[in-house]
Structures are given as C-alpha cells and as structure tokens.
Amino acid sequence: MSTTTAEPDTEELLSEAEFRERLRELPPSAKLVAKVLESDAPLSQGQLADESLLPDRTVRYALNRLEESELVGSRYSFKDARKQVYFLNT
C-alpha cells in the first residue's frame, strides 16, 4: 500500500482518458469505490464501506486493485493518524 504525506502534484495526475482506460480493466467493486471517491474523497476504508454498501473485505480488494493500477493514492488522516484516507489520482 502506498502512503504519501500529501496528495499528488499535478504532474503525477493521470489524464481523464488514461484514468478511464485503466479503470475499464478493473472489477465492478473497484469502479464503485472509484465513483464514491470521485464525489467524496478523501475517505477512509471504513467510510468507503459505509458509502458504497460493500463489505470491508471487498473494499480492501478494490483499493488494492486501484492502487496497483495507480488510480488511487493514500495518506495518513489528519484527524486520526492511525487511519489512512484514499483519494483518486485524477
């Protein structure tokens, strides 16, 4: 799991076309998690499970797939340093 201290710079961000192309290859759970992050990022894993109505295990799997495709980044939460929050790399 990638942990950064801040959200990525603009040069690290993907173009919309590249983002959509990478997302197209992922399972439906990853697409749903990406859609939730699109409207409400940054969110913790638990918040993603609540918002998407997916089980925790499925959210973990989706986040792992999104991180492998470099579509999602993470950092430690400013509110609770024990938790990580996730955001899209778009």
PDB file of N, CA and C in Angstrom:
ATOM      1  N   MET A   1       0.840  -1.166   0.000  1.00  0.00           N
ATOM      2  CA  MET A   1       0.000   0.000   0.000  1.00  0.00           C
ATOM      3  C   MET A   1       0.891   1.238   0.000  1.00  0.00           C
ATOM      4  N   SER A   2       0.585   2.144  -0.861  1.00  0.00           N
ATOM      5  CA  SER A   2       1.356   3.368  -0.980  1.00  0.00           C
ATOM      6  C   SER A   2       0.887   4.392   0.047  1.00  0.00           C
ATOM      7  N   THR A   3       1.825   4.972   0.761  1.00  0.00           N
ATOM      8  CA  THR A   3       1.449   6.025   1.706  1.00  0.00           C
ATOM      9  C   THR A   3       2.248   7.263   1.388  1.00  0.00           C
ATOM     10  N   THR A   4       1.549   8.326   1.088  1.00  0.00           N
ATOM     11  CA  THR A   4       2.200   9.589   0.823  1.00  0.00           C
ATOM     12  C   THR A   4       1.785  10.575   1.891  1.00  0.00           C
ATOM     13  N   THR A   5       2.532  11.641   2.027  1.00  0.00           N
ATOM     14  CA  THR A   5       2.217  12.627   3.050  1.00  0.00           C
ATOM     15  C   THR A   5       1.257  13.684   2.547  1.00  0.00           C
ATOM     16  N   ALA A   6       1.098  13.799   1.257  1.00  0.00           N
ATOM     17  CA  ALA A   6       0.179  14.787   0.694  1.00  0.00           C
ATOM     18  C   ALA A   6      -0.400  14.236  -0.595  1.00  0.00           C
ATOM     19  N   GLU A   7      -1.416  14.895  -1.087  1.00  0.00           N
ATOM     20  CA  GLU A   7      -1.998  14.473  -2.345  1.00  0.00           C
ATOM     21  C   GLU A   7      -0.999  14.753  -3.455  1.00  0.00           C
ATOM     22  N   PRO A   8      -1.089  14.018  -4.571  1.00  0.00           N
ATOM     23  CA  PRO A   8      -0.070  14.103  -5.612  1.00  0.00           C
ATOM     24  C   PRO A   8      -0.037  15.464  -6.299  1.00  0.00           C
ATOM     25  N   ASP A   9       1.137  15.808  -6.836  1.00  0.00           N
ATOM     26  CA  ASP A   9       1.282  17.019  -7.628  1.00  0.00           C
ATOM     27  C   ASP A   9       0.556  16.840  -8.952  1.00  0.00           C
ATOM     28  N   THR A  10       0.314  17.928  -9.645  1.00  0.00           N
ATOM     29  CA  THR A  10      -0.412  17.848 -10.902  1.00  0.00           C
ATOM     30  C   THR A  10       0.334  17.018 -11.942  1.00  0.00           C
ATOM     31  N   GLU A  11       1.651  16.995 -11.899  1.00  0.00           N
ATOM     32  CA  GLU A  11       2.392  16.211 -12.883  1.00  0.00           C
ATOM     33  C   GLU A  11       2.243  14.710 -12.648  1.00  0.00           C
ATOM     34  N   GLU A  12       1.869  14.272 -11.451  1.00  0.00           N
ATOM     35  CA  GLU A  12       1.662  12.865 -11.161  1.00  0.00           C
ATOM     36  C   GLU A  12       0.246  12.415 -11.511  1.00  0.00           C
ATOM     37  N   LEU A  13      -0.648  13.346 -11.758  1.00  0.00           N
ATOM     38  CA  LEU A  13      -2.032  13.016 -12.023  1.00  0.00           C
ATOM     39  C   LEU A  13      -2.191  12.458 -13.428  1.00  0.00           C
ATOM     40  N   LEU A  14      -3.171  11.564 -13.571  1.00  0.00           N
ATOM     41  CA  LEU A  14      -3.447  10.959 -14.862  1.00  0.00           C
ATOM     42  C   LEU A  14      -4.421  11.823 -15.647  1.00  0.00           C
ATOM     43  N   SER A  15      -4.325  11.742 -16.959  1.00  0.00           N
ATOM     44  CA  SER A  15      -5.324  12.405 -17.786  1.00  0.00           C
ATOM     45  C   SER A  15      -6.640  11.639 -17.629  1.00  0.00           C
ATOM     46  N   GLU A  16      -7.725  12.301 -17.936  1.00  0.00           N
ATOM     47  CA  GLU A  16      -9.044  11.663 -17.832  1.00  0.00           C
ATOM     48  C   GLU A  16      -9.130  10.412 -18.701  1.00  0.00           C
ATOM     49  N   ALA A  17      -8.596  10.477 -19.904  1.00  0.00           N
ATOM     50  CA  ALA A  17      -8.633   9.331 -20.820  1.00  0.00           C
ATOM     51  C   ALA A  17      -7.822   8.159 -20.268  1.00  0.00           C
ATOM     52  N   GLU A  18      -6.625   8.438 -19.751  1.00  0.00           N
ATOM     53  CA  GLU A  18      -5.783   7.381 -19.179  1.00  0.00           C
ATOM     54  C   GLU A  18      -6.439   6.777 -17.951  1.00  0.00           C
ATOM     55  N   PHE A  19      -7.022   7.623 -17.108  1.00  0.00           N
ATOM     56  CA  PHE A  19      -7.713   7.143 -15.910  1.00  0.00           C
ATOM     57  C   PHE A  19      -8.849   6.200 -16.296  1.00  0.00           C
ATOM     58  N   ARG A  20      -9.676   6.616 -17.254  1.00  0.00           N
ATOM     59  CA  ARG A  20     -10.818   5.796 -17.680  1.00  0.00           C
ATOM     60  C   ARG A  20     -10.365   4.480 -18.313  1.00  0.00           C
ATOM     61  N   GLU A  21      -9.283   4.522 -19.068  1.00  0.00           N
ATOM     62  CA  GLU A  21      -8.781   3.309 -19.711  1.00  0.00           C
ATOM     63  C   GLU A  21      -8.310   2.288 -18.663  1.00  0.00           C
ATOM     64  N   ARG A  22      -7.584   2.762 -17.664  1.00  0.00           N
ATOM     65  CA  ARG A  22      -7.126   1.852 -16.601  1.00  0.00           C
ATOM     66  C   ARG A  22      -8.301   1.327 -15.781  1.00  0.00           C
ATOM     67  N   LEU A  23      -9.262   2.190 -15.509  1.00  0.00           N
ATOM     68  CA  LEU A  23     -10.424   1.807 -14.709  1.00  0.00           C
ATOM     69  C   LEU A  23     -11.286   0.771 -15.435  1.00  0.00           C
ATOM     70  N   ARG A  24     -11.341   0.864 -16.743  1.00  0.00           N
ATOM     71  CA  ARG A  24     -12.150  -0.053 -17.553  1.00  0.00           C
ATOM     72  C   ARG A  24     -11.764  -1.516 -17.320  1.00  0.00           C
ATOM     73  N   GLU A  25     -10.501  -1.780 -17.036  1.00  0.00           N
ATOM     74  CA  GLU A  25      -9.997  -3.147 -16.866  1.00  0.00           C
ATOM     75  C   GLU A  25     -10.255  -3.728 -15.479  1.00  0.00           C
ATOM     76  N   LEU A  26     -10.744  -2.923 -14.549  1.00  0.00           N
ATOM     77  CA  LEU A  26     -10.897  -3.356 -13.155  1.00  0.00           C
ATOM     78  C   LEU A  26     -12.284  -3.933 -12.883  1.00  0.00           C
ATOM     79  N   PRO A  27     -12.415  -4.689 -11.788  1.00  0.00           N
ATOM     80  CA  PRO A  27     -13.712  -5.289 -11.440  1.00  0.00           C
ATOM     81  C   PRO A  27     -14.735  -4.223 -11.019  1.00  0.00           C
ATOM     82  N   PRO A  28     -16.019  -4.588 -11.036  1.00  0.00           N
ATOM     83  CA  PRO A  28     -17.078  -3.633 -10.673  1.00  0.00           C
ATOM     84  C   PRO A  28     -16.913  -3.009  -9.286  1.00  0.00           C
ATOM     85  N   SER A  29     -16.402  -3.769  -8.322  1.00  0.00           N
ATOM     86  CA  SER A  29     -16.226  -3.213  -6.974  1.00  0.00           C
ATOM     87  C   SER A  29     -15.226  -2.058  -6.985  1.00  0.00           C
ATOM     88  N   ALA A  30     -14.171  -2.182  -7.762  1.00  0.00           N
ATOM     89  CA  ALA A  30     -13.175  -1.110  -7.858  1.00  0.00           C
ATOM     90  C   ALA A  30     -13.774   0.108  -8.545  1.00  0.00           C
ATOM     91  N   LYS A  31     -14.619  -0.116  -9.536  1.00  0.00           N
ATOM     92  CA  LYS A  31     -15.276   1.000 -10.223  1.00  0.00           C
ATOM     93  C   LYS A  31     -16.209   1.737  -9.278  1.00  0.00           C
ATOM     94  N   LEU A  32     -16.924   0.996  -8.435  1.00  0.00           N
ATOM     95  CA  LEU A  32     -17.831   1.620  -7.477  1.00  0.00           C
ATOM     96  C   LEU A  32     -17.049   2.437  -6.439  1.00  0.00           C
ATOM     97  N   VAL A  33     -15.970   1.882  -5.928  1.00  0.00           N
ATOM     98  CA  VAL A  33     -15.146   2.595  -4.952  1.00  0.00           C
ATOM     99  C   VAL A  33     -14.576   3.865  -5.589  1.00  0.00           C
ATOM    100  N   ALA A  34     -14.141   3.789  -6.844  1.00  0.00           N
ATOM    101  CA  ALA A  34     -13.628   4.967  -7.538  1.00  0.00           C
ATOM    102  C   ALA A  34     -14.722   6.022  -7.692  1.00  0.00           C
ATOM    103  N   LYS A  35     -15.932   5.591  -7.978  1.00  0.00           N
ATOM    104  CA  LYS A  35     -17.046   6.530  -8.131  1.00  0.00           C
ATOM    105  C   LYS A  35     -17.357   7.234  -6.810  1.00  0.00           C
ATOM    106  N   VAL A  36     -17.317   6.488  -5.717  1.00  0.00           N
ATOM    107  CA  VAL A  36     -17.544   7.090  -4.399  1.00  0.00           C
ATOM    108  C   VAL A  36     -16.437   8.094  -4.087  1.00  0.00           C
ATOM    109  N   LEU A  37     -15.200   7.732  -4.379  1.00  0.00           N
ATOM    110  CA  LEU A  37     -14.077   8.651  -4.128  1.00  0.00           C
ATOM    111  C   LEU A  37     -14.155   9.885  -5.021  1.00  0.00           C
ATOM    112  N   GLU A  38     -14.734   9.738  -6.187  1.00  0.00           N
ATOM    113  CA  GLU A  38     -14.869  10.861  -7.103  1.00  0.00           C
ATOM    114  C   GLU A  38     -15.712  11.984  -6.494  1.00  0.00           C
ATOM    115  N   SER A  39     -16.704  11.596  -5.697  1.00  0.00           N
ATOM    116  CA  SER A  39     -17.594  12.614  -5.135  1.00  0.00           C
ATOM    117  C   SER A  39     -17.252  12.997  -3.700  1.00  0.00           C
ATOM    118  N   ASP A  40     -16.569  12.113  -2.940  1.00  0.00           N
ATOM    119  CA  ASP A  40     -16.397  12.367  -1.505  1.00  0.00           C
ATOM    120  C   ASP A  40     -14.980  12.184  -0.975  1.00  0.00           C
ATOM    121  N   ALA A  41     -13.960  12.246  -1.790  1.00  0.00           N
ATOM    122  CA  ALA A  41     -12.601  11.991  -1.308  1.00  0.00           C
ATOM    123  C   ALA A  41     -12.080  13.146  -0.467  1.00  0.00           C
ATOM    124  N   PRO A  42     -11.166  12.919   0.435  1.00  0.00           N
ATOM    125  CA  PRO A  42     -10.586  11.639   0.832  1.00  0.00           C
ATOM    126  C   PRO A  42     -11.471  10.922   1.857  1.00  0.00           C
ATOM    127  N   LEU A  43     -11.483   9.597   1.777  1.00  0.00           N
ATOM    128  CA  LEU A  43     -12.263   8.763   2.690  1.00  0.00           C
ATOM    129  C   LEU A  43     -11.412   7.614   3.207  1.00  0.00           C
ATOM    130  N   SER A  44     -11.716   7.186   4.431  1.00  0.00           N
ATOM    131  CA  SER A  44     -11.040   6.018   4.998  1.00  0.00           C
ATOM    132  C   SER A  44     -11.694   4.751   4.438  1.00  0.00           C
ATOM    133  N   GLN A  45     -11.074   3.637   4.699  1.00  0.00           N
ATOM    134  CA  GLN A  45     -11.619   2.362   4.235  1.00  0.00           C
ATOM    135  C   GLN A  45     -13.006   2.111   4.822  1.00  0.00           C
ATOM    136  N   GLY A  46     -13.191   2.402   6.093  1.00  0.00           N
ATOM    137  CA  GLY A  46     -14.487   2.223   6.731  1.00  0.00           C
ATOM    138  C   GLY A  46     -15.552   3.138   6.143  1.00  0.00           C
ATOM    139  N   GLN A  47     -15.173   4.385   5.872  1.00  0.00           N
ATOM    140  CA  GLN A  47     -16.109   5.318   5.252  1.00  0.00           C
ATOM    141  C   GLN A  47     -16.486   4.856   3.848  1.00  0.00           C
ATOM    142  N   LEU A  48     -15.511   4.312   3.114  1.00  0.00           N
ATOM    143  CA  LEU A  48     -15.800   3.782   1.783  1.00  0.00           C
ATOM    144  C   LEU A  48     -16.781   2.615   1.854  1.00  0.00           C
ATOM    145  N   ALA A  49     -16.612   1.750   2.837  1.00  0.00           N
ATOM    146  CA  ALA A  49     -17.527   0.626   3.002  1.00  0.00           C
ATOM    147  C   ALA A  49     -18.935   1.125   3.308  1.00  0.00           C
ATOM    148  N   ASP A  50     -19.045   2.127   4.169  1.00  0.00           N
ATOM    149  CA  ASP A  50     -20.353   2.695   4.508  1.00  0.00           C
ATOM    150  C   ASP A  50     -21.013   3.340   3.295  1.00  0.00           C
ATOM    151  N   GLU A  51     -20.255   4.131   2.555  1.00  0.00           N
ATOM    152  CA  GLU A  51     -20.802   4.867   1.412  1.00  0.00           C
ATOM    153  C   GLU A  51     -21.155   3.962   0.237  1.00  0.00           C
ATOM    154  N   SER A  52     -20.347   2.944   0.001  1.00  0.00           N
ATOM    155  CA  SER A  52     -20.554   2.069  -1.160  1.00  0.00           C
ATOM    156  C   SER A  52     -21.484   0.893  -0.856  1.00  0.00           C
ATOM    157  N   LEU A  53     -21.735   0.649   0.438  1.00  0.00           N
ATOM    158  CA  LEU A  53     -22.534  -0.503   0.885  1.00  0.00           C
ATOM    159  C   LEU A  53     -21.876  -1.834   0.539  1.00  0.00           C
ATOM    160  N   LEU A  54     -20.558  -1.813   0.358  1.00  0.00           N
ATOM    161  CA  LEU A  54     -19.793  -3.030   0.098  1.00  0.00           C
ATOM    162  C   LEU A  54     -19.199  -3.542   1.409  1.00  0.00           C
ATOM    163  N   PRO A  55     -18.976  -4.858   1.512  1.00  0.00           N
ATOM    164  CA  PRO A  55     -18.292  -5.398   2.696  1.00  0.00           C
ATOM    165  C   PRO A  55     -16.857  -4.875   2.797  1.00  0.00           C
ATOM    166  N   ASP A  56     -16.336  -4.814   4.016  1.00  0.00           N
ATOM    167  CA  ASP A  56     -14.967  -4.326   4.247  1.00  0.00           C
ATOM    168  C   ASP A  56     -13.941  -5.068   3.391  1.00  0.00           C
ATOM    169  N   ARG A  57     -14.084  -6.367   3.315  1.00  0.00           N
ATOM    170  CA  ARG A  57     -13.129  -7.180   2.560  1.00  0.00           C
ATOM    171  C   ARG A  57     -13.139  -6.810   1.075  1.00  0.00           C
ATOM    172  N   THR A  58     -14.321  -6.549   0.539  1.00  0.00           N
ATOM    173  CA  THR A  58     -14.444  -6.169  -0.864  1.00  0.00           C
ATOM    174  C   THR A  58     -13.837  -4.794  -1.104  1.00  0.00           C
ATOM    175  N   VAL A  59     -14.024  -3.881  -0.163  1.00  0.00           N
ATOM    176  CA  VAL A  59     -13.430  -2.548  -0.285  1.00  0.00           C
ATOM    177  C   VAL A  59     -11.909  -2.656  -0.256  1.00  0.00           C
ATOM    178  N   ARG A  60     -11.368  -3.490   0.629  1.00  0.00           N
ATOM    179  CA  ARG A  60      -9.908  -3.692   0.674  1.00  0.00           C
ATOM    180  C   ARG A  60      -9.396  -4.211  -0.666  1.00  0.00           C
ATOM    181  N   TYR A  61     -10.099  -5.200  -1.219  1.00  0.00           N
ATOM    182  CA  TYR A  61      -9.715  -5.763  -2.510  1.00  0.00           C
ATOM    183  C   TYR A  61      -9.760  -4.688  -3.601  1.00  0.00           C
ATOM    184  N   ALA A  62     -10.838  -3.908  -3.623  1.00  0.00           N
ATOM    185  CA  ALA A  62     -10.994  -2.859  -4.624  1.00  0.00           C
ATOM    186  C   ALA A  62      -9.881  -1.818  -4.499  1.00  0.00           C
ATOM    187  N   LEU A  63      -9.570  -1.403  -3.276  1.00  0.00           N
ATOM    188  CA  LEU A  63      -8.500  -0.422  -3.063  1.00  0.00           C
ATOM    189  C   LEU A  63      -7.154  -0.966  -3.511  1.00  0.00           C
ATOM    190  N   ASN A  64      -6.893  -2.230  -3.227  1.00  0.00           N
ATOM    191  CA  ASN A  64      -5.634  -2.841  -3.672  1.00  0.00           C
ATOM    192  C   ASN A  64      -5.527  -2.834  -5.193  1.00  0.00           C
ATOM    193  N   ARG A  65      -6.616  -3.178  -5.867  1.00  0.00           N
ATOM    194  CA  ARG A  65      -6.615  -3.179  -7.337  1.00  0.00           C
ATOM    195  C   ARG A  65      -6.432  -1.762  -7.880  1.00  0.00           C
ATOM    196  N   LEU A  66      -7.100  -0.788  -7.268  1.00  0.00           N
ATOM    197  CA  LEU A  66      -6.972   0.604  -7.701  1.00  0.00           C
ATOM    198  C   LEU A  66      -5.554   1.128  -7.470  1.00  0.00           C
ATOM    199  N   GLU A  67      -4.940   0.739  -6.351  1.00  0.00           N
ATOM    200  CA  GLU A  67      -3.561   1.168  -6.075  1.00  0.00           C
ATOM    201  C   GLU A  67      -2.574   0.514  -7.035  1.00  0.00           C
ATOM    202  N   GLU A  68      -2.786  -0.758  -7.362  1.00  0.00           N
ATOM    203  CA  GLU A  68      -1.920  -1.446  -8.323  1.00  0.00           C
ATOM    204  C   GLU A  68      -1.957  -0.755  -9.682  1.00  0.00           C
ATOM    205  N   SER A  69      -3.105  -0.220 -10.033  1.00  0.00           N
ATOM    206  CA  SER A  69      -3.274   0.482 -11.311  1.00  0.00           C
ATOM    207  C   SER A  69      -2.904   1.957 -11.214  1.00  0.00           C
ATOM    208  N   GLU A  70      -2.452   2.367 -10.035  1.00  0.00           N
ATOM    209  CA  GLU A  70      -2.044   3.751  -9.756  1.00  0.00           C
ATOM    210  C   GLU A  70      -3.178   4.747  -9.986  1.00  0.00           C
ATOM    211  N   LEU A  71      -4.409   4.320  -9.687  1.00  0.00           N
ATOM    212  CA  LEU A  71      -5.573   5.189  -9.819  1.00  0.00           C
ATOM    213  C   LEU A  71      -5.939   5.852  -8.502  1.00  0.00           C
ATOM    214  N   VAL A  72      -5.447   5.280  -7.397  1.00  0.00           N
ATOM    215  CA  VAL A  72      -5.763   5.774  -6.062  1.00  0.00           C
ATOM    216  C   VAL A  72      -4.471   5.964  -5.278  1.00  0.00           C
ATOM    217  N   GLY A  73      -4.435   7.015  -4.511  1.00  0.00           N
ATOM    218  CA  GLY A  73      -3.326   7.248  -3.595  1.00  0.00           C
ATOM    219  C   GLY A  73      -3.860   7.259  -2.175  1.00  0.00           C
ATOM    220  N   SER A  74      -2.968   7.201  -1.212  1.00  0.00           N
ATOM    221  CA  SER A  74      -3.387   7.229   0.189  1.00  0.00           C
ATOM    222  C   SER A  74      -2.401   8.045   1.002  1.00  0.00           C
ATOM    223  N   ARG A  75      -2.885   8.511   2.118  1.00  0.00           N
ATOM    224  CA  ARG A  75      -2.064   9.231   3.087  1.00  0.00           C
ATOM    225  C   ARG A  75      -2.681   9.001   4.452  1.00  0.00           C
ATOM    226  N   TYR A  76      -1.945   9.343   5.495  1.00  0.00           N
ATOM    227  CA  TYR A  76      -2.493   9.231   6.838  1.00  0.00           C
ATOM    228  C   TYR A  76      -3.494  10.350   7.061  1.00  0.00           C
ATOM    229  N   SER A  77      -4.539  10.038   7.781  1.00  0.00           N
ATOM    230  CA  SER A  77      -5.588  11.010   8.067  1.00  0.00           C
ATOM    231  C   SER A  77      -5.063  12.098   8.998  1.00  0.00           C
ATOM    232  N   PHE A  78      -5.447  13.325   8.736  1.00  0.00           N
ATOM    233  CA  PHE A  78      -5.067  14.429   9.612  1.00  0.00           C
ATOM    234  C   PHE A  78      -5.865  14.373  10.913  1.00  0.00           C
ATOM    235  N   LYS A  79      -7.079  13.813  10.856  1.00  0.00           N
ATOM    236  CA  LYS A  79      -7.936  13.726  12.037  1.00  0.00           C
ATOM    237  C   LYS A  79      -7.534  12.577  12.949  1.00  0.00           C
ATOM    238  N   ASP A  80      -7.086  11.467  12.360  1.00  0.00           N
ATOM    239  CA  ASP A  80      -6.715  10.283  13.129  1.00  0.00           C
ATOM    240  C   ASP A  80      -5.544   9.610  12.423  1.00  0.00           C
ATOM    241  N   ALA A  81      -4.345   9.807  12.932  1.00  0.00           N
ATOM    242  CA  ALA A  81      -3.130   9.313  12.269  1.00  0.00           C
ATOM    243  C   ALA A  81      -3.042   7.793  12.218  1.00  0.00           C
ATOM    244  N   ARG A  82      -3.933   7.096  12.916  1.00  0.00           N
ATOM    245  CA  ARG A  82      -3.947   5.632  12.835  1.00  0.00           C
ATOM    246  C   ARG A  82      -4.620   5.139  11.563  1.00  0.00           C
ATOM    247  N   LYS A  83      -5.353   6.020  10.889  1.00  0.00           N
ATOM    248  CA  LYS A  83      -6.118   5.630   9.705  1.00  0.00           C
ATOM    249  C   LYS A  83      -5.500   6.237   8.458  1.00  0.00           C
ATOM    250  N   GLN A  84      -5.723   5.553   7.359  1.00  0.00           N
ATOM    251  CA  GLN A  84      -5.329   6.086   6.060  1.00  0.00           C
ATOM    252  C   GLN A  84      -6.588   6.544   5.332  1.00  0.00           C
ATOM    253  N   VAL A  85      -6.436   7.576   4.548  1.00  0.00           N
ATOM    254  CA  VAL A  85      -7.527   8.019   3.692  1.00  0.00           C
ATOM    255  C   VAL A  85      -7.079   7.902   2.246  1.00  0.00           C
ATOM    256  N   TYR A  86      -8.044   7.709   1.378  1.00  0.00           N
ATOM    257  CA  TYR A  86      -7.781   7.425  -0.029  1.00  0.00           C
ATOM    258  C   TYR A  86      -8.361   8.518  -0.908  1.00  0.00           C
ATOM    259  N   PHE A  87      -7.712   8.778  -2.033  1.00  0.00           N
ATOM    260  CA  PHE A  87      -8.140   9.781  -2.990  1.00  0.00           C
ATOM    261  C   PHE A  87      -7.759   9.320  -4.386  1.00  0.00           C
ATOM    262  N   LEU A  88      -8.448   9.852  -5.394  1.00  0.00           N
ATOM    263  CA  LEU A  88      -8.181   9.492  -6.779  1.00  0.00           C
ATOM    264  C   LEU A  88      -6.990  10.260  -7.318  1.00  0.00           C
ATOM    265  N   ASN A  89      -6.253   9.658  -8.235  1.00  0.00           N
ATOM    266  CA  ASN A  89      -5.125  10.299  -8.901  1.00  0.00           C
ATOM    267  C   ASN A  89      -5.576  10.870 -10.247  1.00  0.00           C
ATOM    268  N   THR A  90      -6.613  11.695 -10.220  1.00  0.00           N
ATOM    269  CA  THR A  90      -7.092  12.324 -11.471  1.00  0.00           C
ATOM    270  C   THR A  90      -6.928  13.812 -11.391  1.00  0.00           C
TER     271      THR A  90
END
